[in-house]
N, C-alpha and C. Protein backbone atom coordinates (compact mmCIF):
# COMPACT_ATOMS: atom_id res chain seq x y z
N MET A 1 132.78 23.74 -181.85
CA MET A 1 132.38 22.98 -180.68
C MET A 1 133.57 22.27 -180.06
N ARG A 2 134.45 21.68 -180.90
CA ARG A 2 135.59 20.94 -180.36
C ARG A 2 136.52 21.85 -179.57
N SER A 3 136.69 23.11 -180.04
CA SER A 3 137.57 24.02 -179.33
C SER A 3 136.99 24.37 -177.97
N THR A 4 135.66 24.50 -177.88
CA THR A 4 135.03 24.81 -176.60
C THR A 4 135.20 23.65 -175.63
N VAL A 5 135.04 22.43 -176.13
CA VAL A 5 135.23 21.25 -175.28
C VAL A 5 136.66 21.19 -174.79
N LEU A 6 137.62 21.49 -175.70
CA LEU A 6 139.01 21.51 -175.32
C LEU A 6 139.26 22.53 -174.22
N ALA A 7 138.64 23.69 -174.36
CA ALA A 7 138.84 24.74 -173.36
C ALA A 7 138.36 24.29 -172.00
N ILE A 8 137.19 23.64 -171.95
CA ILE A 8 136.65 23.20 -170.68
C ILE A 8 137.52 22.10 -170.08
N ALA A 9 138.04 21.23 -170.93
CA ALA A 9 138.89 20.15 -170.44
C ALA A 9 140.17 20.71 -169.83
N VAL A 10 140.76 21.70 -170.48
CA VAL A 10 141.97 22.30 -169.96
C VAL A 10 141.69 23.03 -168.66
N VAL A 11 140.52 23.67 -168.58
CA VAL A 11 140.14 24.37 -167.36
C VAL A 11 140.08 23.42 -166.19
N ALA A 12 139.60 22.19 -166.44
CA ALA A 12 139.47 21.22 -165.36
C ALA A 12 140.81 20.96 -164.70
N LEU A 13 141.91 21.07 -165.46
CA LEU A 13 143.24 20.89 -164.92
C LEU A 13 143.84 22.21 -164.44
N GLY A 14 143.27 23.29 -164.91
CA GLY A 14 143.88 24.60 -164.72
C GLY A 14 143.75 25.19 -163.35
N TRP A 15 142.86 24.68 -162.52
CA TRP A 15 142.66 25.28 -161.20
C TRP A 15 143.91 25.15 -160.34
N LEU A 16 144.75 24.16 -160.62
CA LEU A 16 145.96 23.98 -159.84
C LEU A 16 147.17 24.60 -160.51
N VAL A 17 146.95 25.24 -161.66
CA VAL A 17 148.05 25.80 -162.43
C VAL A 17 148.13 27.30 -162.21
N ARG A 18 149.32 27.78 -161.94
CA ARG A 18 149.52 29.21 -161.84
C ARG A 18 150.29 29.69 -163.05
N PRO A 19 150.23 30.97 -163.41
CA PRO A 19 150.94 31.44 -164.58
C PRO A 19 152.42 31.11 -164.49
N GLY A 20 153.02 30.90 -165.64
CA GLY A 20 154.44 30.58 -165.68
C GLY A 20 155.29 31.81 -165.52
N ALA A 21 156.54 31.68 -165.92
CA ALA A 21 157.49 32.77 -165.71
C ALA A 21 157.07 34.04 -166.42
N TRP A 22 156.34 33.90 -167.54
CA TRP A 22 155.93 35.10 -168.28
C TRP A 22 155.07 36.01 -167.43
N ALA A 23 154.26 35.44 -166.51
CA ALA A 23 153.36 36.26 -165.69
C ALA A 23 154.12 36.97 -164.58
N GLN A 24 155.28 36.44 -164.22
CA GLN A 24 156.06 37.06 -163.16
C GLN A 24 157.02 38.11 -163.71
N GLU A 25 157.28 38.06 -164.99
CA GLU A 25 158.24 38.97 -165.60
C GLU A 25 157.57 40.28 -165.95
N GLU A 26 157.99 41.36 -165.27
CA GLU A 26 157.35 42.65 -165.47
C GLU A 26 157.99 43.45 -166.60
N SER A 27 159.18 43.08 -167.03
CA SER A 27 159.85 43.85 -168.06
C SER A 27 159.06 43.80 -169.36
N GLY A 28 158.99 44.93 -170.02
CA GLY A 28 158.27 45.00 -171.29
C GLY A 28 156.83 45.44 -171.16
N PHE A 29 156.30 45.52 -169.94
CA PHE A 29 154.92 45.98 -169.74
C PHE A 29 154.88 47.50 -169.73
N VAL A 30 153.85 48.06 -170.36
CA VAL A 30 153.65 49.51 -170.36
C VAL A 30 152.22 49.80 -169.93
N PRO A 31 151.97 50.94 -169.29
CA PRO A 31 150.61 51.26 -168.84
C PRO A 31 149.72 51.70 -170.00
N LEU A 32 148.47 51.27 -169.96
CA LEU A 32 147.46 51.76 -170.91
C LEU A 32 146.72 52.97 -170.35
N PHE A 33 146.80 53.16 -169.05
CA PHE A 33 146.05 54.21 -168.36
C PHE A 33 147.05 55.02 -167.53
N ASP A 34 147.01 56.36 -167.69
CA ASP A 34 147.99 57.21 -167.01
C ASP A 34 147.63 57.51 -165.57
N GLY A 35 146.45 57.05 -165.12
CA GLY A 35 146.05 57.26 -163.74
C GLY A 35 145.42 58.60 -163.45
N LYS A 36 145.37 59.47 -164.47
CA LYS A 36 144.86 60.82 -164.27
C LYS A 36 143.77 61.22 -165.26
N THR A 37 143.90 60.73 -166.50
CA THR A 37 142.97 61.13 -167.55
C THR A 37 142.54 59.90 -168.35
N LEU A 38 141.58 60.10 -169.23
CA LEU A 38 141.15 59.05 -170.15
C LEU A 38 141.76 59.24 -171.53
N ASN A 39 142.90 59.89 -171.59
CA ASN A 39 143.63 60.03 -172.86
C ASN A 39 143.94 58.64 -173.41
N GLY A 40 143.68 58.47 -174.70
CA GLY A 40 143.91 57.18 -175.33
C GLY A 40 142.68 56.29 -175.34
N PHE A 41 141.60 56.77 -174.71
CA PHE A 41 140.35 56.00 -174.66
C PHE A 41 139.21 56.82 -175.27
N VAL A 42 138.17 56.12 -175.69
CA VAL A 42 136.95 56.77 -176.15
C VAL A 42 135.76 56.07 -175.50
N GLY A 43 134.82 56.87 -174.97
CA GLY A 43 133.64 56.32 -174.32
C GLY A 43 132.67 57.43 -173.97
N ASP A 44 131.51 57.07 -173.48
CA ASP A 44 130.49 58.06 -173.11
C ASP A 44 130.96 58.80 -171.86
N PRO A 45 131.21 60.12 -171.95
CA PRO A 45 131.72 60.87 -170.79
C PRO A 45 130.74 60.94 -169.63
N GLN A 46 129.48 60.63 -169.88
CA GLN A 46 128.50 60.62 -168.80
C GLN A 46 128.58 59.34 -167.95
N LEU A 47 129.30 58.34 -168.48
CA LEU A 47 129.36 57.05 -167.80
C LEU A 47 130.73 56.72 -167.22
N TRP A 48 131.77 57.38 -167.71
CA TRP A 48 133.14 57.04 -167.31
C TRP A 48 133.86 58.25 -166.76
N ARG A 49 134.68 58.03 -165.72
CA ARG A 49 135.46 59.11 -165.10
C ARG A 49 136.72 58.51 -164.47
N VAL A 50 137.64 59.39 -164.08
CA VAL A 50 138.84 58.99 -163.35
C VAL A 50 138.71 59.47 -161.92
N GLU A 51 139.00 58.58 -160.97
CA GLU A 51 138.88 58.91 -159.55
C GLU A 51 139.93 58.12 -158.77
N ASP A 52 140.77 58.83 -158.03
CA ASP A 52 141.79 58.19 -157.18
C ASP A 52 142.66 57.21 -157.96
N GLY A 53 143.06 57.60 -159.17
CA GLY A 53 143.92 56.75 -159.97
C GLY A 53 143.23 55.54 -160.56
N GLN A 54 141.90 55.58 -160.62
CA GLN A 54 141.11 54.46 -161.13
C GLN A 54 140.18 54.93 -162.24
N ILE A 55 139.92 54.05 -163.19
CA ILE A 55 138.86 54.28 -164.16
C ILE A 55 137.56 53.78 -163.53
N VAL A 56 136.57 54.65 -163.45
CA VAL A 56 135.30 54.29 -162.82
C VAL A 56 134.19 54.36 -163.87
N GLY A 57 133.47 53.26 -164.03
CA GLY A 57 132.30 53.23 -164.89
C GLY A 57 131.06 53.05 -164.04
N SER A 58 130.05 53.90 -164.24
CA SER A 58 128.85 53.84 -163.41
C SER A 58 127.62 54.22 -164.21
N THR A 59 126.53 53.51 -163.95
CA THR A 59 125.24 53.88 -164.53
C THR A 59 124.29 54.39 -163.45
N ASP A 60 124.81 54.74 -162.29
CA ASP A 60 123.97 55.30 -161.22
C ASP A 60 123.25 56.54 -161.72
N GLY A 61 121.94 56.57 -161.57
CA GLY A 61 121.14 57.71 -162.01
C GLY A 61 120.97 57.80 -163.50
N LYS A 62 121.39 56.77 -164.23
CA LYS A 62 121.27 56.79 -165.69
C LYS A 62 120.66 55.46 -166.15
N ARG A 63 120.10 55.47 -167.34
CA ARG A 63 119.54 54.27 -167.92
C ARG A 63 120.13 54.09 -169.32
N ILE A 64 120.84 52.99 -169.52
CA ILE A 64 121.44 52.76 -170.84
C ILE A 64 120.63 51.69 -171.57
N ARG A 65 120.48 51.88 -172.87
CA ARG A 65 119.66 50.97 -173.68
C ARG A 65 120.45 49.81 -174.25
N HIS A 66 121.77 49.94 -174.24
CA HIS A 66 122.63 48.85 -174.72
C HIS A 66 123.92 48.90 -173.90
N ASN A 67 124.64 47.79 -173.89
CA ASN A 67 125.93 47.77 -173.21
C ASN A 67 126.82 48.88 -173.77
N SER A 68 127.50 49.59 -172.89
CA SER A 68 128.32 50.73 -173.31
C SER A 68 129.77 50.49 -172.86
N PHE A 69 130.73 50.93 -173.67
CA PHE A 69 132.12 50.58 -173.46
C PHE A 69 133.05 51.80 -173.48
N LEU A 70 134.11 51.67 -172.72
CA LEU A 70 135.24 52.60 -172.80
C LEU A 70 136.35 51.84 -173.51
N ALA A 71 136.76 52.33 -174.68
CA ALA A 71 137.65 51.57 -175.56
C ALA A 71 138.96 52.30 -175.82
N THR A 72 140.03 51.53 -176.00
CA THR A 72 141.30 52.13 -176.41
C THR A 72 141.19 52.59 -177.86
N ARG A 73 141.92 53.62 -178.18
CA ARG A 73 141.99 54.06 -179.57
C ARG A 73 142.93 53.16 -180.37
N LYS A 74 143.90 52.59 -179.68
CA LYS A 74 144.88 51.74 -180.33
C LYS A 74 144.40 50.29 -180.41
N LYS A 75 144.80 49.60 -181.45
CA LYS A 75 144.49 48.19 -181.61
C LYS A 75 145.70 47.34 -181.22
N PHE A 76 145.41 46.12 -180.74
CA PHE A 76 146.47 45.22 -180.32
C PHE A 76 146.21 43.83 -180.90
N ARG A 77 147.31 43.11 -181.16
CA ARG A 77 147.21 41.78 -181.76
C ARG A 77 147.58 40.70 -180.76
N ASN A 78 148.85 40.49 -180.50
CA ASN A 78 149.33 39.49 -179.54
C ASN A 78 149.86 40.21 -178.32
N PHE A 79 149.47 39.76 -177.12
CA PHE A 79 149.83 40.52 -175.92
C PHE A 79 149.55 39.73 -174.64
N ILE A 80 150.11 40.25 -173.55
CA ILE A 80 149.71 39.87 -172.19
C ILE A 80 149.14 41.14 -171.57
N LEU A 81 147.91 41.08 -171.11
CA LEU A 81 147.24 42.23 -170.50
C LEU A 81 146.93 41.92 -169.04
N LYS A 82 147.32 42.83 -168.15
CA LYS A 82 147.02 42.69 -166.73
C LYS A 82 146.14 43.85 -166.30
N VAL A 83 145.02 43.55 -165.66
CA VAL A 83 144.07 44.57 -165.22
C VAL A 83 143.54 44.21 -163.85
N LYS A 84 143.58 45.16 -162.91
CA LYS A 84 142.92 44.98 -161.63
C LYS A 84 141.53 45.60 -161.72
N PHE A 85 140.54 44.90 -161.18
CA PHE A 85 139.16 45.38 -161.26
C PHE A 85 138.43 45.15 -159.95
N LYS A 86 137.43 46.00 -159.72
CA LYS A 86 136.56 45.84 -158.56
C LYS A 86 135.12 46.06 -159.03
N LEU A 87 134.31 45.04 -158.92
CA LEU A 87 132.90 45.13 -159.34
C LEU A 87 132.02 45.35 -158.12
N ARG A 88 131.29 46.46 -158.11
CA ARG A 88 130.35 46.69 -157.02
C ARG A 88 129.16 45.75 -157.12
N ASN A 89 128.64 45.63 -158.35
CA ASN A 89 127.47 44.78 -158.56
C ASN A 89 127.24 44.56 -160.05
N HIS A 90 126.42 43.58 -160.38
CA HIS A 90 125.91 43.31 -161.71
C HIS A 90 126.96 42.67 -162.63
N ASN A 91 127.24 43.25 -163.80
CA ASN A 91 128.00 42.56 -164.83
C ASN A 91 128.89 43.54 -165.60
N SER A 92 130.11 43.10 -165.90
CA SER A 92 131.04 43.91 -166.69
C SER A 92 131.92 42.95 -167.48
N GLY A 93 133.02 43.44 -167.99
CA GLY A 93 133.92 42.59 -168.74
C GLY A 93 135.03 43.39 -169.37
N ILE A 94 136.06 42.66 -169.83
CA ILE A 94 137.19 43.27 -170.52
C ILE A 94 137.22 42.73 -171.94
N GLN A 95 136.96 43.60 -172.88
CA GLN A 95 137.00 43.23 -174.30
C GLN A 95 138.44 43.26 -174.81
N PHE A 96 138.75 42.43 -175.78
CA PHE A 96 140.06 42.47 -176.42
C PHE A 96 139.92 41.91 -177.83
N ARG A 97 140.85 42.30 -178.70
CA ARG A 97 140.74 41.98 -180.13
C ARG A 97 139.33 42.27 -180.63
N SER A 98 138.80 43.39 -180.21
CA SER A 98 137.40 43.72 -180.48
C SER A 98 137.28 44.89 -181.45
N GLN A 99 136.06 45.08 -181.92
CA GLN A 99 135.76 46.14 -182.89
C GLN A 99 134.84 47.16 -182.24
N LEU A 100 135.21 48.44 -182.34
CA LEU A 100 134.37 49.51 -181.82
C LEU A 100 133.36 49.93 -182.87
N LEU A 101 132.08 49.86 -182.50
CA LEU A 101 130.97 50.23 -183.37
C LEU A 101 130.41 51.58 -182.94
N PRO A 102 129.49 52.16 -183.69
CA PRO A 102 128.90 53.44 -183.28
C PRO A 102 128.23 53.37 -181.91
N ASN A 103 128.13 54.53 -181.27
CA ASN A 103 127.45 54.69 -179.98
C ASN A 103 128.10 53.89 -178.87
N TYR A 104 129.43 53.75 -178.95
CA TYR A 104 130.22 53.08 -177.91
C TYR A 104 129.82 51.62 -177.71
N VAL A 105 129.39 50.99 -178.78
CA VAL A 105 129.09 49.56 -178.78
C VAL A 105 130.33 48.82 -179.26
N VAL A 106 130.55 47.61 -178.74
CA VAL A 106 131.74 46.84 -179.09
C VAL A 106 131.34 45.41 -179.44
N ARG A 107 132.08 44.82 -180.37
CA ARG A 107 131.89 43.41 -180.74
C ARG A 107 133.23 42.69 -180.65
N GLY A 108 133.22 41.51 -180.00
CA GLY A 108 134.44 40.72 -179.96
C GLY A 108 134.61 39.93 -178.68
N TYR A 109 135.83 39.42 -178.48
CA TYR A 109 136.15 38.60 -177.32
C TYR A 109 136.00 39.39 -176.01
N GLN A 110 135.54 38.70 -174.97
CA GLN A 110 135.40 39.34 -173.66
C GLN A 110 135.78 38.37 -172.54
N ALA A 111 136.65 38.84 -171.65
CA ALA A 111 136.87 38.16 -170.38
C ALA A 111 135.79 38.67 -169.44
N ASP A 112 134.86 37.80 -169.09
CA ASP A 112 133.65 38.23 -168.38
C ASP A 112 133.91 38.51 -166.91
N ILE A 113 133.22 39.53 -166.41
CA ILE A 113 133.22 39.89 -164.99
C ILE A 113 131.77 39.90 -164.54
N ALA A 114 131.44 39.17 -163.48
CA ALA A 114 130.05 39.08 -163.08
C ALA A 114 129.95 38.75 -161.59
N GLU A 115 128.82 39.11 -160.99
CA GLU A 115 128.59 38.79 -159.59
C GLU A 115 128.53 37.29 -159.35
N ARG A 116 127.93 36.58 -160.28
CA ARG A 116 127.66 35.17 -160.04
C ARG A 116 128.14 34.30 -161.19
N ARG A 117 127.25 33.91 -162.06
CA ARG A 117 127.41 32.80 -162.97
C ARG A 117 128.58 32.93 -163.95
N TYR A 118 128.83 34.09 -164.50
CA TYR A 118 129.70 34.17 -165.67
C TYR A 118 131.13 34.62 -165.40
N MET A 119 131.49 34.82 -164.15
CA MET A 119 132.85 35.24 -163.84
C MET A 119 133.86 34.23 -164.37
N GLY A 120 134.85 34.72 -165.14
CA GLY A 120 135.94 33.88 -165.60
C GLY A 120 135.76 33.23 -166.95
N ILE A 121 134.59 33.38 -167.57
CA ILE A 121 134.36 32.73 -168.86
C ILE A 121 134.94 33.58 -169.99
N LEU A 122 135.05 32.98 -171.16
CA LEU A 122 135.38 33.70 -172.39
C LEU A 122 134.10 33.83 -173.19
N TYR A 123 133.71 35.06 -173.49
CA TYR A 123 132.45 35.37 -174.16
C TYR A 123 132.76 36.15 -175.43
N GLU A 124 131.88 36.06 -176.40
CA GLU A 124 132.01 36.89 -177.60
C GLU A 124 130.81 37.83 -177.67
N GLU A 125 131.05 39.10 -177.34
CA GLU A 125 130.01 40.13 -177.35
C GLU A 125 129.50 40.35 -178.76
N ARG A 126 128.17 40.36 -178.92
CA ARG A 126 127.53 40.53 -180.22
C ARG A 126 128.03 39.51 -181.23
N GLY A 127 128.29 38.31 -180.75
CA GLY A 127 128.79 37.26 -181.62
C GLY A 127 128.26 35.90 -181.22
N ARG A 128 129.16 34.98 -180.94
CA ARG A 128 128.79 33.58 -180.70
C ARG A 128 128.41 33.28 -179.26
N GLY A 129 128.46 34.27 -178.38
CA GLY A 129 128.11 34.03 -176.98
C GLY A 129 129.26 33.37 -176.22
N ILE A 130 128.94 32.41 -175.35
CA ILE A 130 129.96 31.75 -174.55
C ILE A 130 130.83 30.87 -175.43
N LEU A 131 132.14 31.15 -175.42
CA LEU A 131 133.09 30.37 -176.20
C LEU A 131 133.79 29.32 -175.33
N ALA A 132 134.01 29.64 -174.08
CA ALA A 132 134.63 28.69 -173.14
C ALA A 132 134.02 28.95 -171.76
N ASP A 133 133.41 27.92 -171.20
CA ASP A 133 132.69 28.05 -169.93
C ASP A 133 133.59 27.63 -168.77
N VAL A 134 133.11 27.87 -167.55
CA VAL A 134 133.82 27.48 -166.33
C VAL A 134 132.83 26.83 -165.37
N ASP A 135 133.37 26.25 -164.32
CA ASP A 135 132.55 25.77 -163.20
C ASP A 135 132.46 26.92 -162.20
N PRO A 136 131.30 27.58 -162.07
CA PRO A 136 131.19 28.76 -161.21
C PRO A 136 131.50 28.46 -159.75
N GLU A 137 131.27 27.22 -159.30
CA GLU A 137 131.57 26.88 -157.92
C GLU A 137 133.07 26.91 -157.66
N LYS A 138 133.85 26.53 -158.66
CA LYS A 138 135.31 26.58 -158.51
C LYS A 138 135.83 28.00 -158.55
N VAL A 139 135.21 28.83 -159.40
CA VAL A 139 135.63 30.22 -159.48
C VAL A 139 135.45 30.92 -158.14
N LYS A 140 134.41 30.57 -157.41
CA LYS A 140 134.13 31.18 -156.11
C LYS A 140 135.29 31.02 -155.14
N GLN A 141 136.09 29.98 -155.34
CA GLN A 141 137.18 29.69 -154.42
C GLN A 141 138.27 30.75 -154.43
N PHE A 142 138.41 31.48 -155.54
CA PHE A 142 139.49 32.46 -155.60
C PHE A 142 139.06 33.84 -156.08
N TYR A 143 137.77 34.04 -156.33
CA TYR A 143 137.29 35.39 -156.63
C TYR A 143 136.92 36.09 -155.32
N LYS A 144 137.26 37.37 -155.22
CA LYS A 144 137.01 38.14 -154.00
C LYS A 144 135.93 39.19 -154.28
N PRO A 145 134.67 38.90 -153.99
CA PRO A 145 133.58 39.84 -154.27
C PRO A 145 133.79 41.17 -153.55
N GLY A 146 133.56 42.26 -154.30
CA GLY A 146 133.65 43.59 -153.71
C GLY A 146 135.05 44.06 -153.41
N GLN A 147 136.07 43.26 -153.78
CA GLN A 147 137.47 43.64 -153.55
C GLN A 147 138.20 43.72 -154.89
N TRP A 148 139.45 44.12 -154.82
CA TRP A 148 140.25 44.17 -156.04
C TRP A 148 140.65 42.76 -156.46
N ASN A 149 140.46 42.46 -157.73
CA ASN A 149 140.85 41.20 -158.34
C ASN A 149 141.69 41.51 -159.56
N GLN A 150 142.40 40.52 -160.07
CA GLN A 150 143.21 40.76 -161.27
C GLN A 150 142.92 39.73 -162.36
N TYR A 151 142.69 40.25 -163.55
CA TYR A 151 142.63 39.42 -164.76
C TYR A 151 143.99 39.53 -165.46
N THR A 152 144.49 38.39 -165.93
CA THR A 152 145.61 38.37 -166.86
C THR A 152 145.11 37.68 -168.11
N ILE A 153 145.17 38.39 -169.23
CA ILE A 153 144.69 37.88 -170.51
C ILE A 153 145.88 37.70 -171.43
N VAL A 154 146.05 36.50 -171.94
CA VAL A 154 147.14 36.21 -172.86
C VAL A 154 146.53 35.85 -174.21
N ALA A 155 146.78 36.66 -175.20
CA ALA A 155 146.29 36.41 -176.57
C ALA A 155 147.50 36.28 -177.48
N GLN A 156 147.70 35.09 -178.01
CA GLN A 156 148.86 34.84 -178.86
C GLN A 156 148.45 33.91 -179.98
N GLY A 157 148.37 34.45 -181.19
CA GLY A 157 147.87 33.66 -182.30
C GLY A 157 146.44 33.23 -182.03
N PRO A 158 146.11 31.98 -182.33
CA PRO A 158 144.74 31.51 -182.12
C PRO A 158 144.44 31.11 -180.67
N ARG A 159 145.46 31.17 -179.80
CA ARG A 159 145.28 30.71 -178.42
C ARG A 159 145.02 31.87 -177.48
N ILE A 160 144.00 31.69 -176.62
CA ILE A 160 143.62 32.71 -175.63
C ILE A 160 143.56 32.05 -174.26
N ARG A 161 144.26 32.66 -173.30
CA ARG A 161 144.22 32.18 -171.93
C ARG A 161 143.76 33.29 -171.00
N LEU A 162 142.90 32.94 -170.05
CA LEU A 162 142.43 33.87 -169.04
C LEU A 162 142.84 33.36 -167.67
N TYR A 163 143.44 34.25 -166.88
CA TYR A 163 143.80 33.94 -165.49
C TYR A 163 143.07 34.92 -164.58
N LEU A 164 142.43 34.42 -163.55
CA LEU A 164 141.75 35.25 -162.56
C LEU A 164 142.47 35.07 -161.23
N ASN A 165 143.08 36.16 -160.75
CA ASN A 165 143.87 36.10 -159.51
C ASN A 165 144.90 34.97 -159.56
N GLY A 166 145.52 34.79 -160.72
CA GLY A 166 146.58 33.81 -160.88
C GLY A 166 146.12 32.41 -161.21
N HIS A 167 144.82 32.17 -161.29
CA HIS A 167 144.29 30.84 -161.58
C HIS A 167 143.77 30.78 -163.02
N LEU A 168 144.20 29.78 -163.75
CA LEU A 168 143.74 29.61 -165.12
C LEU A 168 142.26 29.25 -165.13
N THR A 169 141.46 30.03 -165.85
CA THR A 169 140.04 29.69 -166.00
C THR A 169 139.71 29.23 -167.41
N VAL A 170 140.44 29.74 -168.41
CA VAL A 170 140.15 29.39 -169.80
C VAL A 170 141.46 29.22 -170.57
N ASP A 171 141.52 28.16 -171.36
CA ASP A 171 142.60 27.97 -172.34
C ASP A 171 141.89 27.55 -173.63
N TYR A 172 141.76 28.51 -174.52
CA TYR A 172 140.90 28.36 -175.70
C TYR A 172 141.71 28.51 -176.97
N VAL A 173 141.47 27.65 -177.93
CA VAL A 173 142.10 27.75 -179.24
C VAL A 173 141.03 28.04 -180.28
N GLU A 174 141.17 29.18 -180.96
CA GLU A 174 140.20 29.58 -181.98
C GLU A 174 140.42 28.76 -183.25
N GLU A 175 139.40 28.03 -183.67
CA GLU A 175 139.51 27.19 -184.85
C GLU A 175 138.79 27.77 -186.06
N ASP A 176 138.22 28.97 -185.88
CA ASP A 176 137.51 29.60 -186.98
C ASP A 176 138.09 30.99 -187.22
N PRO A 177 139.20 31.10 -187.96
CA PRO A 177 139.85 32.39 -188.16
C PRO A 177 138.98 33.42 -188.86
N LYS A 178 137.94 32.96 -189.57
CA LYS A 178 137.05 33.89 -190.24
C LYS A 178 136.14 34.60 -189.24
N ARG A 179 135.92 34.00 -188.08
CA ARG A 179 135.02 34.60 -187.09
C ARG A 179 135.78 35.18 -185.90
N GLY A 180 136.91 34.58 -185.56
CA GLY A 180 137.67 35.06 -184.42
C GLY A 180 138.69 36.11 -184.84
N ALA A 181 138.53 37.34 -184.36
CA ALA A 181 139.42 38.43 -184.75
C ALA A 181 140.83 38.20 -184.22
N GLN A 182 141.82 38.60 -184.99
CA GLN A 182 143.22 38.46 -184.60
C GLN A 182 143.80 39.77 -184.07
N GLU A 183 143.04 40.85 -184.17
CA GLU A 183 143.51 42.16 -183.74
C GLU A 183 142.31 43.03 -183.41
N GLY A 184 142.48 43.96 -182.49
CA GLY A 184 141.39 44.88 -182.19
C GLY A 184 141.66 45.69 -180.94
N ILE A 185 140.66 46.47 -180.55
CA ILE A 185 140.78 47.35 -179.39
C ILE A 185 140.59 46.56 -178.10
N ILE A 186 140.95 47.19 -177.00
CA ILE A 186 140.67 46.70 -175.65
C ILE A 186 139.62 47.64 -175.07
N ALA A 187 138.65 47.11 -174.33
CA ALA A 187 137.57 47.96 -173.82
C ALA A 187 137.00 47.40 -172.53
N PHE A 188 136.38 48.29 -171.76
CA PHE A 188 135.74 47.93 -170.50
C PHE A 188 134.23 48.14 -170.62
N GLN A 189 133.46 47.27 -169.98
CA GLN A 189 132.01 47.22 -170.21
C GLN A 189 131.18 47.73 -169.03
N LEU A 190 130.12 48.45 -169.38
CA LEU A 190 128.99 48.71 -168.49
C LEU A 190 127.79 48.01 -169.09
N HIS A 191 127.09 47.22 -168.28
CA HIS A 191 126.01 46.37 -168.79
C HIS A 191 124.65 47.00 -168.54
N THR A 192 123.73 46.73 -169.45
CA THR A 192 122.35 47.16 -169.25
C THR A 192 121.77 46.45 -168.03
N GLY A 193 120.67 47.02 -167.51
CA GLY A 193 120.02 46.41 -166.35
C GLY A 193 120.09 47.34 -165.16
N PRO A 194 120.24 46.80 -163.96
CA PRO A 194 120.26 47.64 -162.76
C PRO A 194 121.46 48.57 -162.73
N ALA A 195 121.31 49.68 -162.00
CA ALA A 195 122.43 50.61 -161.85
C ALA A 195 123.62 49.86 -161.29
N MET A 196 124.80 50.13 -161.84
CA MET A 196 125.99 49.37 -161.48
C MET A 196 127.22 50.27 -161.45
N GLU A 197 128.30 49.72 -160.89
CA GLU A 197 129.59 50.40 -160.90
C GLU A 197 130.70 49.38 -160.99
N VAL A 198 131.74 49.71 -161.76
CA VAL A 198 132.93 48.88 -161.86
C VAL A 198 134.15 49.80 -161.92
N ARG A 199 135.26 49.34 -161.35
CA ARG A 199 136.49 50.13 -161.31
C ARG A 199 137.65 49.31 -161.88
N PHE A 200 138.59 50.02 -162.54
CA PHE A 200 139.76 49.38 -163.12
C PHE A 200 140.99 50.21 -162.77
N LYS A 201 142.11 49.53 -162.53
CA LYS A 201 143.37 50.23 -162.27
C LYS A 201 144.54 49.31 -162.62
N ASP A 202 145.75 49.85 -162.55
CA ASP A 202 146.97 49.09 -162.81
C ASP A 202 146.84 48.29 -164.11
N ILE A 203 146.54 49.01 -165.17
CA ILE A 203 146.29 48.39 -166.48
C ILE A 203 147.60 48.37 -167.27
N LEU A 204 148.16 47.18 -167.44
CA LEU A 204 149.47 47.03 -168.07
C LEU A 204 149.38 46.06 -169.24
N ILE A 205 150.14 46.34 -170.28
CA ILE A 205 150.14 45.45 -171.44
C ILE A 205 151.56 45.23 -171.94
N LYS A 206 151.81 44.04 -172.38
CA LYS A 206 153.09 43.67 -172.99
C LYS A 206 152.77 43.06 -174.35
N GLU A 207 153.16 43.73 -175.40
CA GLU A 207 152.90 43.21 -176.74
C GLU A 207 153.89 42.09 -177.09
N LEU A 208 153.37 41.06 -177.75
CA LEU A 208 154.15 39.88 -178.10
C LEU A 208 154.33 39.81 -179.60
N PRO A 209 155.33 39.06 -180.07
CA PRO A 209 155.53 38.92 -181.52
C PRO A 209 154.32 38.30 -182.20
């Protein structure tokens, strides 16, 4: 509980904070997506495809019984991850330090993507739920619905920071090492419910010590 309160308190100051020099430094970043294929990823081929240099996830014309994910085969520990995304509707997210389960199910940390309430929060899929919340009215000030947006996720030791379009939304310190994973896959989410679509591109990662 104390870590969640800390995260919210830091967020209150974070709206005026932009990423430091590390976010501007492009050296050391490598692409996770080649822009042409889904090599290096695993997911339901009926739900995920590559189009115009983008990863496209869609449930149009399909009904999924549980959240379904496109996951990296490689695991990552400490890193800076940059991802551009465009949400047509409904709910998605970017998993990290997560565990891939059968049937393309994932458990772990998630930088949430949503039309309304949950954009910018830190969530734990199939776990503790919301770990660090945000003020959704403030998020509206810099989120661009239906357009390309960028998440920057910094995971270093027990500290996790989320930036949405350059604005800090979460600064969270994990105080329960038995529950908070220190390493895992990165994955993109399709959510149950109404037919939806989400797109990802320019996926870059820089591994940290």
